[in-house]
Every structure is written in structure tokens, then in C-alpha cells.
Amino acid sequence: MWRPRYPSSPRPESPFIINGFKCKLESDDSSRRIEGDVISGIRSIKISLAVLCLGIFLAAVDQTVVVTVLPDIIDDLEGGFSSSGVERAGWIVTAYLLGYMIVLPLMGRVADRFGHRRIYFLSLGIFAMGSLLCALSTSLFGLVGFRAIQAVGGGALVPVAMAVAGHSFTPRQRAIALGVIGAAGEAGAVLGPIYGAVVGQFMGWRAIFYLNLPLVLIIFWLVHRYVGKSPRYPVRIDYRSGLLLALGLGSATFAISGAGELGWLTFGLPLLGISLVFLVAFVFSDSHATSPLVRISMFANRAFSSANIAHFLLGVAMITALVQVPSFAYSSGWPETSDSSPMIGGLLLIRLTLMIPAGALAGGLLARRWGGRLTATLGFALSALGLLLTSRWSIDVGALRQTMDLLVTGLGFGLVIAPISLSVINSVKKSRMASASAVLTSTRILGMTAGLAAINSWGISRYRTIRAGDPLPLPGLGMTLSRYLDQLRIWEARNVEAILGVLSDFFLIAAVACLLAIIPSLFLLGKTNSD
């Protein structure tokens, strides 16, 4: 039960503040009134947390909201579907994930320094501005850049909310608050593709970004109404380490993504070397900072580092499934049409995403009974099995087979969420829960970013290699129209077969990522207590 802590001065003269509510213990006769003020203050904190999580949910939705409308975006901005357009379109997702991830370690300190509510408002404004620019985009290159702007605002909301939780809740309540914040982010990323499919189907892909504007205004009003002003804390902000981390992660992402087209020897490996220099410099700078962005010492804890490795691999597998399941639907003409409308991919993907929250709930219960290691191992094994079965899909795969495979995959993804989160929170000091949770969120986003960049780069290269010796047939002299159309249909069938072969490889890679994640899962914390 929550109890206020009093200063060393006598109780009758000791004020205490709860989220802006100042209470003073005057006499025993006023105890009931004071108790009511305390309860009101605690209720206000919970409402504030819920309001802040709305912004986090909306920003997390935009991580994956475009995956079911990518064909429409390519067709609109590129004037048609092409392999080069697909390669560039991958950056619509990657740019957001990269920008989202880069600001996570830094913005919690910025919010402490300049005020939580003020920075939250600023972040919402940047997110809204980026959304408007995305909706008005006239080129794929511009959309990618505007998505990065949008991500800076969206990603900053997470550490701000974590900072509020760190200062407003008692140590015991803090773990629950951080879990709620993490759940809001996970739920948004999972539901994003379905939301994007529905809006894209009936209103067009630009409406996805336009609709963010009224939603931001509602959240802005709720924050103004229910989140009180917070004090500023005299913390030091290590901008140098933040810049080095951004340069390191950014250059690594560019290296992995561009190596498939520009070559590993001439582009990928040199840029990875530059990235390594930046990251080593970040570790050196951050470890010698008086107020480090990331406490490197936390990784010395085996349970903490194992959980983050598992979360990274979960990000790789999850983003592969979220992006490539709709791609399979479009490529195979599921169920009986070659229509590329967003609902085609959304209806197939929902079979996976519906099981993730159900699996997360079951995972929390099983982690208390069986322990985090066994629960996470079971989850990753189920996901690997589902993805392995998905990799065996053919163009005429039945709907029942698709449903069962995706249900198993989604259930596995959900089962691992609670054990990983609990292992991180319970492996660090209570004073470091917020920073540990921010690191855990960053590792999943890093896995999604690196995984998407790698499979997109490799997949395009693989597709071009397969199709290099089979150019589009052209009508020959004296060839009848019916014969030419027959040749064109044969060529299109081989093209679809090549695309499905690459998608099969993607799912197989995701299955391997899940199998590898079983290894660090064996080092998670065991059973968690029920406090």
C-alpha cells in the first residue's frame, strides 16, 4: 500500500506534494480530509499516466501503420510498382524506427531538465508536424525524411513518460507503471498494420497521417487538463554521447540497408567500420560521463543482458512477420485476386496480431507459475514453429493452414513479452528501473530497424539475382496477340514464384532468429514474486 514519506521535521508541520497536490498534517482531527487529498493525488497520478500512455500508443502505432499500405504508396509516389520502389519504400518504415530509437536514451534527461509536460507538448508538436508533412509528400524520398521527423517527436514521448513514472510513483508502484508504458508501446506496434489497412482501404494512405492531427489535439488537451506541471531537476545532459550514439546507429542502418544495391566491399563494410568507431567512442564517452545516458554497468548483469539480446531477436522476427505477411497476400493474390488493396494484407495479418495480446496475458500468468525462462523458451519455440510452417506456404495454400500457422506465431510472440520485461525490471535497482526499461525498448526497436534493413537489402538483391536471366517478354515480329499474352502470363507466374521464394526465405530467417533467442532466454530470471 502506498504511504507518503515525511521529512525529518515534526509531522504537524511537514508538507508533502503528490503530483501538484500540497497536503499539510495539522492535527488528528483533519486526518480524514488529508487522507482524501492523498487518495485524490494518487488517482490523479494514475490518470496522468493513462493520458501520457495515449501519446505513446499513437506514436507506436506509426511504427508499423504503413506496412499494409506500402503498395499503394509506391504506386502513388513512384508511378507504379517496381523492385527499386520496394527497396526505397522499406525506408518509410526503417526511417521511423531509426528516429524513434535514437531519441529514447536522451529525452528522459531533457525532460527532467526542462520540465516533463513542456517536453511532452514539444514532442507531440514535432510528431504532428511530421505527420502533416508525410500526408503532403509528393515523393518517396520526401516521405522518408518526414517520417524521420515524425519519429523524433513520437520516440521522445516514451522516455518522458518513464521519467514521470520514476518521479511520481513509489518503488513498488514504479514497476507496474513502467510495465503499463511498455504495454502501450507494444500494443501500438502490433495494432498499427490493422489500423493502417482499414484507414488505407476506405480513406487512402494519406489519411493515416492526416488523422494523427486531431488525435494529437485530443491528447494535447488531455495532457493540459490532467498532467500537472512538474519541477525541473538540475541534471546534466550528455549531448556528446547522444550524438555519437545517433551517428553510430544511423551509419550502421545505412550500411546494412544500402549494401545490397551498392555492394558490401565498396559501401557496406566501410560504413560499418565508421559505425563501429562512433559506437566505441559512445561507450568511452558515456562510461566517463558524470550522468551517463546508458549505464553500461547494467549489462554486466546476466539476466539484464540476456533479456535485451532476446528482445533484439524478437524485434527482428516480429518486424519480418508484420511486413512480409501482407507482402505474401499481395504477391500471391490472396485469396482469389491480385488486388493490392490494404485490406487484403490486413485480413491475413490480423490472424497473427490478435494472438499477441492474448499471448502476453498468458505469458504474465505463466511466468509467475513456471518462471520466466520456461515461459520465454516456450514462446520463442512456438514462434519459430509457426514461422517455419509459414515459410512452406505455396501460392495455393489454404485459408485454414494460414490461420493456424499465424495463430501459433502470434501466440509465441505474446508469450515472451512478460518474461523479458519482468527479468529486466527485477534485475536492476529500483532507482534504475526507468533507464533499464528505456534500454529494453531501444533493443526491440534496434532489432526491428536492423532486421528490416537487412532483409529488405538482401531480399531485393536475391530477387534481382533470380530474375536476372528472365527479362520481360516483348512482342516479336509476326507474333499473334494471344501468343504474346500467353508468354506474358508464363513470365508473370515465374515472377510470382520468385517473389514467394524470397518471402519464404524471410520467414525462415525470422524462425532462426526465434530459435537463437531461446539461448538467452535460458538465462532470464526464474520465478517472479507476486508483489
Protein backbone atom coordinates (compact mmCIF):
# COMPACT_ATOMS: atom_id res chain seq x y z
CA MET A 1 0.00 0.00 0.00
CA TRP A 2 1.27 3.50 -0.82
CA ARG A 3 2.40 5.61 2.12
CA PRO A 4 3.85 9.11 1.93
CA ARG A 5 7.33 9.68 3.32
CA TYR A 6 7.74 12.62 5.61
CA PRO A 7 10.75 14.88 6.14
CA SER A 8 12.65 14.76 9.39
CA SER A 9 10.77 17.79 10.79
CA PRO A 10 7.77 17.21 13.09
CA ARG A 11 4.78 15.76 11.34
CA PRO A 12 2.31 18.55 12.20
CA GLU A 13 4.47 21.00 10.23
CA SER A 14 5.54 18.69 7.38
CA PRO A 15 4.03 19.31 3.92
CA PHE A 16 4.19 16.79 1.15
CA ILE A 17 3.28 17.04 -2.53
CA ILE A 18 1.62 14.46 -4.76
CA ASN A 19 1.50 15.42 -8.43
CA GLY A 20 0.84 19.06 -7.59
CA PHE A 21 -1.43 18.46 -4.55
CA LYS A 22 0.11 20.03 -1.45
CA CYS A 23 -1.07 18.49 1.80
CA LYS A 24 -0.20 19.53 5.38
CA LEU A 25 -0.69 17.45 8.51
CA GLU A 26 -2.18 19.85 11.02
CA SER A 27 -3.95 17.72 13.63
CA ASP A 28 -5.59 14.38 14.17
CA ASP A 29 -9.00 15.96 13.55
CA SER A 30 -8.05 16.67 9.95
CA SER A 31 -6.77 13.17 9.17
CA ARG A 32 -9.82 12.19 7.15
CA ARG A 33 -9.56 15.29 4.96
CA ILE A 34 -5.85 14.71 4.45
CA GLU A 35 -6.42 11.05 3.60
CA GLY A 36 -8.91 12.16 0.95
CA ASP A 37 -6.34 14.54 -0.51
CA VAL A 38 -3.79 11.75 -0.67
CA ILE A 39 -6.20 9.38 -2.42
CA SER A 40 -7.15 12.16 -4.83
CA GLY A 41 -3.47 12.76 -5.54
CA ILE A 42 -2.79 9.09 -6.21
CA ARG A 43 -5.81 8.90 -8.50
CA SER A 44 -4.52 11.96 -10.34
CA ILE A 45 -1.15 10.28 -10.88
CA LYS A 46 -2.82 7.23 -12.40
CA ILE A 47 -4.93 9.40 -14.70
CA SER A 48 -1.80 11.29 -15.73
CA LEU A 49 -0.05 8.03 -16.57
CA ALA A 50 -3.01 6.85 -18.66
CA VAL A 51 -3.07 10.14 -20.60
CA LEU A 52 0.67 10.00 -21.26
CA CYS A 53 0.31 6.42 -22.50
CA LEU A 54 -2.21 7.56 -25.12
CA GLY A 55 0.55 9.51 -26.84
CA ILE A 56 2.93 6.57 -26.59
CA PHE A 57 0.30 4.28 -28.12
CA LEU A 58 -0.30 6.65 -31.03
CA ALA A 59 3.43 7.02 -31.73
CA ALA A 60 3.91 3.24 -31.54
CA VAL A 61 1.04 2.71 -34.00
CA ASP A 62 3.00 4.74 -36.54
CA GLN A 63 5.95 2.37 -36.26
CA THR A 64 4.11 -0.21 -38.34
CA VAL A 65 1.00 1.59 -39.64
CA VAL A 66 2.29 1.81 -43.22
CA VAL A 67 3.24 -1.85 -43.75
CA THR A 68 -0.17 -2.75 -45.20
CA VAL A 69 -0.33 0.32 -47.48
CA LEU A 70 3.20 0.21 -48.92
CA PRO A 71 1.98 -0.99 -52.35
CA ASP A 72 -0.42 1.96 -52.55
CA ILE A 73 2.33 4.39 -51.51
CA ILE A 74 4.75 3.02 -54.12
CA ASP A 75 2.09 3.16 -56.82
CA ASP A 76 1.14 6.75 -55.92
CA LEU A 77 4.61 8.26 -55.43
CA GLU A 78 6.62 6.13 -57.86
CA GLY A 79 4.05 5.86 -60.63
CA GLY A 80 3.97 2.09 -60.49
CA PHE A 81 5.29 -0.98 -58.69
CA SER A 82 8.98 -1.85 -59.15
CA SER A 83 11.79 -3.58 -57.27
CA SER A 84 13.65 -0.29 -56.84
CA GLY A 85 10.49 1.29 -55.48
CA VAL A 86 10.12 -1.56 -52.99
CA GLU A 87 13.71 -1.07 -51.84
CA ARG A 88 13.22 2.65 -51.25
CA ALA A 89 9.81 2.10 -49.68
CA GLY A 90 11.39 -0.04 -46.98
CA TRP A 91 12.92 3.16 -45.65
CA ILE A 92 9.42 4.50 -44.91
CA VAL A 93 9.35 2.05 -42.01
CA THR A 94 13.09 2.00 -41.27
CA ALA A 95 13.43 5.80 -41.03
CA TYR A 96 10.69 5.96 -38.41
CA LEU A 97 12.17 3.12 -36.35
CA LEU A 98 15.63 4.69 -36.53
CA GLY A 99 14.49 8.15 -35.46
CA TYR A 100 12.29 6.66 -32.74
CA MET A 101 15.18 4.66 -31.33
CA ILE A 102 17.80 7.42 -31.39
CA VAL A 103 15.91 9.81 -29.11
CA LEU A 104 14.98 7.22 -26.47
CA PRO A 105 18.15 7.42 -24.33
CA LEU A 106 18.40 11.23 -24.40
CA MET A 107 14.93 12.69 -23.95
CA GLY A 108 14.31 11.47 -20.41
CA ARG A 109 17.15 13.68 -19.19
CA VAL A 110 15.98 16.57 -21.36
CA ALA A 111 12.51 16.29 -19.80
CA ASP A 112 13.99 16.29 -16.28
CA ARG A 113 15.96 19.42 -17.12
CA PHE A 114 13.26 21.47 -18.86
CA GLY A 115 10.04 20.02 -17.46
CA HIS A 116 8.14 16.87 -18.33
CA ARG A 117 4.93 18.45 -19.54
CA ARG A 118 6.73 21.07 -21.61
CA ILE A 119 8.87 18.47 -23.43
CA TYR A 120 5.85 16.21 -23.89
CA PHE A 121 3.98 19.08 -25.58
CA LEU A 122 7.01 19.81 -27.75
CA SER A 123 7.29 16.15 -28.75
CA LEU A 124 3.61 16.00 -29.66
CA GLY A 125 4.07 19.12 -31.79
CA ILE A 126 7.02 17.60 -33.68
CA PHE A 127 5.07 14.39 -34.21
CA ALA A 128 2.07 16.34 -35.55
CA MET A 129 4.26 18.44 -37.85
CA GLY A 130 5.93 15.32 -39.21
CA SER A 131 2.53 13.69 -39.76
CA LEU A 132 1.26 16.69 -41.74
CA LEU A 133 4.40 16.73 -43.90
CA CYS A 134 4.04 12.98 -44.53
CA ALA A 135 0.44 13.47 -45.67
CA LEU A 136 1.54 16.21 -48.09
CA SER A 137 4.50 14.27 -49.50
CA THR A 138 4.91 14.21 -53.27
CA SER A 139 7.96 11.92 -53.45
CA LEU A 140 9.18 8.77 -51.74
CA PHE A 141 12.40 10.50 -50.70
CA GLY A 142 10.46 13.31 -49.04
CA LEU A 143 8.17 10.86 -47.25
CA VAL A 144 11.17 9.03 -45.79
CA GLY A 145 12.64 12.28 -44.45
CA PHE A 146 9.33 13.42 -42.98
CA ARG A 147 8.87 10.04 -41.30
CA ALA A 148 12.19 10.60 -39.53
CA ILE A 149 10.93 13.97 -38.25
CA GLN A 150 7.71 12.35 -37.11
CA ALA A 151 9.70 9.65 -35.29
CA VAL A 152 11.80 12.13 -33.31
CA GLY A 153 8.63 13.52 -31.77
CA GLY A 154 6.99 10.14 -31.30
CA GLY A 155 10.03 8.44 -29.80
CA ALA A 156 10.58 11.25 -27.30
CA LEU A 157 7.19 10.57 -25.67
CA VAL A 158 8.37 7.24 -24.20
CA PRO A 159 11.30 8.44 -22.02
CA VAL A 160 9.27 11.49 -20.91
CA ALA A 161 6.52 9.23 -19.60
CA MET A 162 9.11 6.96 -17.97
CA ALA A 163 10.66 9.99 -16.27
CA VAL A 164 7.24 10.98 -14.91
CA ALA A 165 6.73 7.44 -13.60
CA GLY A 166 10.16 7.46 -11.99
CA HIS A 167 9.45 10.67 -10.07
CA SER A 168 5.75 10.15 -9.25
CA PHE A 169 5.48 6.54 -8.06
CA THR A 170 6.91 4.66 -5.13
CA PRO A 171 9.50 1.98 -5.96
CA ARG A 172 6.93 -0.82 -5.71
CA GLN A 173 4.40 1.00 -7.91
CA ARG A 174 7.09 2.09 -10.36
CA ALA A 175 7.50 -1.39 -11.85
CA ILE A 176 3.77 -1.55 -12.62
CA ALA A 177 3.80 1.95 -14.13
CA LEU A 178 6.75 1.13 -16.37
CA GLY A 179 5.02 -2.08 -17.40
CA VAL A 180 1.94 -0.11 -18.43
CA ILE A 181 4.11 2.25 -20.51
CA GLY A 182 5.83 -0.69 -22.19
CA ALA A 183 2.49 -2.39 -22.86
CA ALA A 184 1.18 0.77 -24.56
CA GLY A 185 4.16 0.75 -26.92
CA GLU A 186 3.88 -2.96 -27.69
CA ALA A 187 0.13 -2.72 -28.32
CA GLY A 188 0.54 0.22 -30.69
CA ALA A 189 3.17 -1.53 -32.80
CA VAL A 190 1.03 -4.67 -33.02
CA LEU A 191 -2.22 -2.90 -33.95
CA GLY A 192 -0.59 -0.44 -36.37
CA PRO A 193 -0.85 -2.62 -39.51
CA ILE A 194 -4.54 -3.35 -38.93
CA TYR A 195 -5.37 0.32 -38.33
CA GLY A 196 -3.39 1.27 -41.43
CA ALA A 197 -5.21 -1.33 -43.53
CA VAL A 198 -8.67 -0.11 -42.51
CA VAL A 199 -7.90 3.58 -42.98
CA GLY A 200 -5.98 2.98 -46.21
CA GLN A 201 -8.78 0.88 -47.65
CA PHE A 202 -11.56 3.41 -47.11
CA MET A 203 -9.79 6.78 -46.97
CA GLY A 204 -6.43 6.35 -48.72
CA TRP A 205 -2.91 6.14 -47.30
CA ARG A 206 -2.56 9.90 -46.77
CA ALA A 207 -5.50 9.83 -44.34
CA ILE A 208 -3.36 7.72 -41.97
CA PHE A 209 -1.21 10.79 -41.36
CA TYR A 210 -3.99 13.37 -41.53
CA LEU A 211 -5.91 11.54 -38.79
CA ASN A 212 -2.93 11.93 -36.47
CA LEU A 213 -3.62 15.67 -36.27
CA PRO A 214 -7.00 15.59 -34.47
CA LEU A 215 -5.76 12.71 -32.30
CA VAL A 216 -2.75 14.79 -31.24
CA LEU A 217 -5.03 17.73 -30.41
CA ILE A 218 -7.16 15.49 -28.17
CA ILE A 219 -4.09 14.14 -26.37
CA PHE A 220 -2.71 17.68 -26.08
CA TRP A 221 -5.90 18.81 -24.32
CA LEU A 222 -5.94 15.76 -22.02
CA VAL A 223 -2.32 16.36 -21.01
CA HIS A 224 -3.07 20.03 -20.35
CA ARG A 225 -6.10 19.03 -18.30
CA TYR A 226 -4.81 16.10 -16.27
CA VAL A 227 -1.00 16.29 -16.15
CA GLY A 228 0.28 18.91 -13.75
CA LYS A 229 3.45 20.93 -14.14
CA SER A 230 6.49 19.15 -12.80
CA PRO A 231 9.56 20.62 -11.14
CA ARG A 232 12.79 20.88 -13.07
CA TYR A 233 15.77 18.87 -11.95
CA PRO A 234 19.37 20.10 -12.25
CA VAL A 235 20.59 17.12 -14.28
CA ARG A 236 23.42 17.19 -16.78
CA ILE A 237 22.66 16.17 -20.34
CA ASP A 238 25.40 14.38 -22.22
CA TYR A 239 24.68 15.66 -25.73
CA ARG A 240 28.05 14.41 -27.00
CA SER A 241 27.24 10.79 -26.15
CA GLY A 242 23.79 11.19 -27.66
CA LEU A 243 25.27 12.47 -30.92
CA LEU A 244 27.83 9.65 -31.07
CA LEU A 245 25.11 7.06 -30.49
CA ALA A 246 22.90 8.57 -33.21
CA LEU A 247 25.78 8.64 -35.70
CA GLY A 248 26.76 5.06 -34.86
CA LEU A 249 23.28 3.58 -35.18
CA GLY A 250 22.41 5.68 -38.22
CA SER A 251 25.52 4.77 -40.18
CA ALA A 252 25.08 1.07 -39.32
CA THR A 253 21.49 1.15 -40.59
CA PHE A 254 22.53 2.87 -43.81
CA ALA A 255 25.34 0.33 -44.29
CA ILE A 256 23.08 -2.70 -43.90
CA SER A 257 20.26 -1.24 -45.98
CA GLY A 258 22.39 0.02 -48.88
CA ALA A 259 24.88 -2.82 -49.14
CA GLY A 260 22.54 -4.99 -51.22
CA GLU A 261 22.45 -2.45 -54.06
CA LEU A 262 25.80 -0.63 -53.65
CA GLY A 263 27.90 -3.62 -52.58
CA TRP A 264 29.39 -4.74 -49.29
CA LEU A 265 33.03 -4.12 -50.22
CA THR A 266 32.51 -0.64 -51.66
CA PHE A 267 29.76 0.62 -49.34
CA GLY A 268 28.55 -1.72 -46.60
CA LEU A 269 31.76 -2.73 -44.83
CA PRO A 270 33.44 0.73 -44.89
CA LEU A 271 30.32 2.33 -43.45
CA LEU A 272 30.04 -0.39 -40.82
CA GLY A 273 33.62 0.38 -39.86
CA ILE A 274 32.73 4.05 -39.42
CA SER A 275 29.71 2.99 -37.36
CA LEU A 276 31.91 0.87 -35.12
CA VAL A 277 34.21 3.85 -34.48
CA PHE A 278 31.23 6.00 -33.45
CA LEU A 279 29.82 3.30 -31.18
CA VAL A 280 33.17 2.66 -29.47
CA ALA A 281 33.51 6.40 -28.95
CA PHE A 282 30.00 6.45 -27.47
CA VAL A 283 30.84 3.68 -24.99
CA PHE A 284 34.00 5.52 -23.93
CA SER A 285 32.24 8.88 -23.64
CA ASP A 286 29.19 7.51 -21.83
CA SER A 287 31.20 5.42 -19.37
CA HIS A 288 33.19 8.50 -18.32
CA ALA A 289 30.21 10.85 -18.10
CA THR A 290 29.02 12.06 -14.71
CA SER A 291 25.43 11.45 -15.83
CA PRO A 292 25.55 8.68 -18.47
CA LEU A 293 22.75 8.18 -20.97
CA VAL A 294 23.03 4.39 -20.72
CA ARG A 295 24.55 2.76 -17.66
CA ILE A 296 26.83 0.25 -19.34
CA SER A 297 27.33 -1.46 -15.98
CA MET A 298 23.76 -2.80 -16.17
CA PHE A 299 24.85 -5.15 -18.95
CA ALA A 300 27.18 -6.89 -16.51
CA ASN A 301 24.04 -8.44 -15.04
CA ARG A 302 23.48 -11.69 -16.92
CA ALA A 303 19.69 -11.59 -16.67
CA PHE A 304 19.56 -7.99 -17.91
CA SER A 305 21.86 -8.54 -20.89
CA SER A 306 20.15 -11.83 -21.79
CA ALA A 307 16.73 -10.18 -21.77
CA ASN A 308 17.94 -7.43 -24.09
CA ILE A 309 19.50 -9.91 -26.53
CA ALA A 310 16.25 -11.87 -26.59
CA HIS A 311 14.27 -8.65 -27.10
CA PHE A 312 16.54 -7.67 -30.00
CA LEU A 313 15.91 -11.01 -31.72
CA LEU A 314 12.18 -10.68 -31.01
CA GLY A 315 12.26 -7.34 -32.83
CA VAL A 316 13.93 -8.97 -35.86
CA ALA A 317 11.37 -11.76 -36.03
CA MET A 318 8.32 -9.59 -35.31
CA ILE A 319 9.04 -6.88 -37.91
CA THR A 320 9.70 -9.59 -40.50
CA ALA A 321 6.30 -11.13 -39.87
CA LEU A 322 4.45 -7.79 -39.70
CA VAL A 323 5.89 -6.62 -43.03
CA GLN A 324 6.13 -9.85 -45.02
CA VAL A 325 2.77 -11.46 -44.21
CA PRO A 326 0.91 -8.65 -46.04
CA SER A 327 3.52 -8.89 -48.82
CA PHE A 328 2.65 -12.56 -49.27
CA ALA A 329 -1.04 -11.70 -49.52
CA TYR A 330 -0.41 -9.14 -52.26
CA SER A 331 2.08 -11.28 -54.17
CA SER A 332 0.03 -14.47 -54.18
CA GLY A 333 -3.24 -12.72 -54.96
CA TRP A 334 -4.79 -13.91 -51.73
CA PRO A 335 -7.41 -15.20 -51.63
CA GLU A 336 -8.52 -15.24 -55.28
CA THR A 337 -7.43 -11.89 -56.66
CA SER A 338 -4.30 -9.94 -57.47
CA ASP A 339 -5.83 -6.82 -55.90
CA SER A 340 -3.32 -4.98 -53.71
CA SER A 341 -5.85 -3.13 -51.54
CA PRO A 342 -4.70 -2.69 -47.93
CA MET A 343 -7.47 -4.90 -46.54
CA ILE A 344 -6.07 -7.90 -48.41
CA GLY A 345 -2.91 -7.81 -46.30
CA GLY A 346 -4.70 -6.63 -43.16
CA LEU A 347 -7.18 -9.50 -43.15
CA LEU A 348 -4.34 -12.01 -43.34
CA LEU A 349 -2.14 -10.26 -40.78
CA ILE A 350 -4.92 -9.90 -38.18
CA ARG A 351 -4.73 -13.66 -37.60
CA LEU A 352 -1.26 -13.13 -36.17
CA THR A 353 -1.76 -9.85 -34.32
CA LEU A 354 -4.90 -10.93 -32.47
CA MET A 355 -2.95 -13.62 -30.65
CA ILE A 356 -0.15 -11.35 -29.43
CA PRO A 357 -2.12 -9.61 -26.63
CA ALA A 358 -3.71 -12.93 -25.67
CA GLY A 359 -0.26 -14.48 -25.51
CA ALA A 360 1.07 -11.54 -23.47
CA LEU A 361 -1.64 -12.05 -20.86
CA ALA A 362 -0.98 -15.79 -20.74
CA GLY A 363 2.76 -15.14 -20.58
CA GLY A 364 2.38 -12.97 -17.48
CA LEU A 365 0.40 -15.68 -15.71
CA LEU A 366 2.73 -18.48 -16.77
CA ALA A 367 5.83 -16.52 -15.77
CA ARG A 368 4.58 -16.41 -12.18
CA ARG A 369 3.83 -20.13 -12.16
CA TRP A 370 6.61 -21.59 -14.31
CA GLY A 371 9.19 -18.82 -14.25
CA GLY A 372 10.46 -16.52 -17.00
CA ARG A 373 12.93 -18.97 -18.54
CA LEU A 374 10.48 -21.74 -19.35
CA THR A 375 7.74 -19.32 -20.47
CA ALA A 376 10.04 -17.38 -22.81
CA THR A 377 11.55 -20.59 -24.19
CA LEU A 378 8.07 -21.93 -24.94
CA GLY A 379 7.10 -18.66 -26.61
CA PHE A 380 10.12 -18.50 -28.88
CA ALA A 381 9.76 -22.19 -29.75
CA LEU A 382 6.12 -21.66 -30.79
CA SER A 383 7.04 -18.60 -32.86
CA ALA A 384 9.85 -20.49 -34.56
CA LEU A 385 7.47 -23.35 -35.35
CA GLY A 386 4.82 -21.00 -36.75
CA LEU A 387 7.32 -19.10 -38.89
CA LEU A 388 8.87 -22.33 -40.15
CA LEU A 389 5.43 -23.53 -41.25
CA THR A 390 4.74 -20.12 -42.81
CA SER A 391 7.96 -20.41 -44.84
CA ARG A 392 6.46 -23.51 -46.51
CA TRP A 393 3.41 -21.66 -47.87
CA SER A 394 2.75 -22.05 -51.57
CA ILE A 395 0.64 -19.89 -53.85
CA ASP A 396 -2.36 -22.18 -53.34
CA VAL A 397 -2.07 -22.52 -49.54
CA GLY A 398 -5.44 -22.90 -47.85
CA ALA A 399 -7.00 -20.34 -45.51
CA LEU A 400 -7.17 -22.83 -42.60
CA ARG A 401 -3.44 -23.57 -42.88
CA GLN A 402 -2.65 -19.85 -42.95
CA THR A 403 -4.82 -19.22 -39.90
CA MET A 404 -3.28 -21.98 -37.79
CA ASP A 405 0.30 -21.05 -38.66
CA LEU A 406 -0.24 -17.36 -37.88
CA LEU A 407 -2.12 -18.08 -34.64
CA VAL A 408 0.81 -20.17 -33.40
CA THR A 409 3.30 -17.45 -34.38
CA GLY A 410 1.33 -14.67 -32.70
CA LEU A 411 0.80 -16.70 -29.53
CA GLY A 412 4.55 -17.29 -29.29
CA PHE A 413 5.34 -13.60 -29.78
CA GLY A 414 2.95 -12.71 -26.99
CA LEU A 415 4.22 -15.29 -24.50
CA VAL A 416 7.74 -13.85 -24.41
CA ILE A 417 6.80 -10.21 -23.66
CA ALA A 418 6.12 -10.51 -19.92
CA PRO A 419 9.09 -12.78 -19.03
CA ILE A 420 11.55 -10.47 -20.80
CA SER A 421 10.12 -7.31 -19.23
CA LEU A 422 9.95 -8.79 -15.73
CA SER A 423 13.50 -10.09 -15.99
CA VAL A 424 14.80 -6.61 -16.79
CA ILE A 425 12.79 -4.79 -14.10
CA ASN A 426 13.68 -7.34 -11.40
CA SER A 427 17.39 -7.47 -12.29
CA VAL A 428 18.20 -3.80 -11.58
CA LYS A 429 17.93 -1.46 -8.63
CA LYS A 430 14.61 0.28 -8.19
CA SER A 431 16.27 3.62 -8.90
CA ARG A 432 17.32 2.35 -12.34
CA MET A 433 14.03 0.81 -13.44
CA ALA A 434 13.15 3.69 -15.77
CA SER A 435 16.51 3.70 -17.55
CA ALA A 436 16.50 -0.12 -17.77
CA SER A 437 13.03 -0.06 -19.33
CA ALA A 438 14.17 2.56 -21.85
CA VAL A 439 17.13 0.37 -22.82
CA LEU A 440 14.81 -2.64 -23.25
CA THR A 441 12.50 -0.65 -25.53
CA SER A 442 15.53 0.52 -27.51
CA THR A 443 16.79 -3.02 -28.10
CA ARG A 444 13.46 -4.11 -29.60
CA ILE A 445 13.37 -1.07 -31.86
CA LEU A 446 17.01 -1.72 -32.78
CA GLY A 447 16.15 -5.30 -33.70
CA MET A 448 13.22 -4.12 -35.82
CA THR A 449 15.37 -1.48 -37.53
CA ALA A 450 18.36 -3.69 -38.23
CA GLY A 451 16.19 -6.66 -39.17
CA LEU A 452 14.05 -4.71 -41.63
CA ALA A 453 17.08 -3.02 -43.20
CA ALA A 454 18.93 -6.32 -43.58
CA ILE A 455 16.11 -8.42 -45.00
CA ASN A 456 14.99 -5.64 -47.33
CA SER A 457 18.52 -5.20 -48.71
CA TRP A 458 19.20 -8.91 -49.02
CA GLY A 459 15.75 -9.69 -50.42
CA ILE A 460 15.97 -7.17 -53.26
CA SER A 461 19.44 -8.43 -54.16
CA ARG A 462 18.22 -12.03 -54.05
CA TYR A 463 15.20 -11.26 -56.23
CA ARG A 464 17.32 -9.47 -58.85
CA THR A 465 19.72 -12.41 -58.97
CA ILE A 466 16.89 -14.89 -59.52
CA ARG A 467 15.23 -12.81 -62.21
CA ALA A 468 18.41 -11.66 -63.97
CA GLY A 469 18.14 -14.21 -66.77
CA ASP A 470 14.42 -13.83 -67.36
CA PRO A 471 13.58 -10.39 -68.80
CA LEU A 472 10.05 -9.23 -69.51
CA PRO A 473 8.97 -10.72 -72.87
CA LEU A 474 8.36 -8.29 -75.70
CA PRO A 475 6.05 -8.89 -78.70
CA GLY A 476 8.03 -10.27 -81.62
CA LEU A 477 7.58 -9.66 -85.30
CA GLY A 478 4.67 -11.69 -86.61
CA MET A 479 3.66 -12.85 -83.10
CA THR A 480 -0.07 -13.02 -82.52
CA LEU A 481 -1.60 -11.19 -79.56
CA SER A 482 -2.85 -14.39 -77.95
CA ARG A 483 0.61 -15.98 -78.11
CA TYR A 484 2.24 -12.88 -76.61
CA LEU A 485 -0.31 -12.80 -73.77
CA ASP A 486 0.37 -16.50 -73.10
CA GLN A 487 4.11 -15.77 -72.82
CA LEU A 488 3.39 -12.80 -70.56
CA ARG A 489 1.25 -14.93 -68.25
CA ILE A 490 4.00 -17.56 -68.04
CA TRP A 491 6.54 -14.84 -67.21
CA GLU A 492 4.25 -13.39 -64.52
CA ALA A 493 3.84 -16.85 -62.98
CA ARG A 494 7.63 -17.26 -62.78
CA ASN A 495 7.89 -13.77 -61.29
CA VAL A 496 5.36 -14.56 -58.56
CA GLU A 497 7.18 -17.82 -57.87
CA ALA A 498 10.45 -15.92 -57.41
CA ILE A 499 8.83 -13.38 -55.06
CA LEU A 500 7.25 -16.12 -52.95
CA GLY A 501 10.61 -17.89 -52.80
CA VAL A 502 12.24 -14.76 -51.36
CA LEU A 503 9.37 -14.33 -48.86
CA SER A 504 9.83 -17.95 -47.82
CA ASP A 505 13.48 -17.19 -47.07
CA PHE A 506 12.39 -14.17 -44.99
CA PHE A 507 10.13 -16.30 -42.80
CA LEU A 508 12.87 -18.89 -42.42
CA ILE A 509 15.31 -16.19 -41.26
CA ALA A 510 12.73 -14.99 -38.71
CA ALA A 511 12.31 -18.57 -37.46
CA VAL A 512 16.08 -18.85 -36.98
CA ALA A 513 16.04 -15.57 -35.01
CA CYS A 514 13.43 -17.07 -32.67
CA LEU A 515 15.46 -20.26 -32.22
CA LEU A 516 18.55 -18.20 -31.40
CA ALA A 517 16.52 -16.22 -28.86
CA ILE A 518 15.94 -19.42 -26.88
CA ILE A 519 19.61 -19.34 -25.82
CA PRO A 520 19.49 -16.01 -23.92
CA SER A 521 16.01 -16.94 -22.64
CA LEU A 522 17.64 -19.71 -20.60
CA PHE A 523 19.44 -17.02 -18.54
CA LEU A 524 16.41 -14.91 -17.66
CA LEU A 525 15.33 -14.66 -14.05
CA GLY A 526 13.32 -17.57 -12.76
CA LYS A 527 10.01 -17.25 -10.97
CA THR A 528 8.96 -13.71 -10.06
CA ASN A 529 7.36 -12.85 -6.79
CA SER A 530 3.79 -11.67 -6.69
CA ASP A 531 4.39 -8.25 -5.21
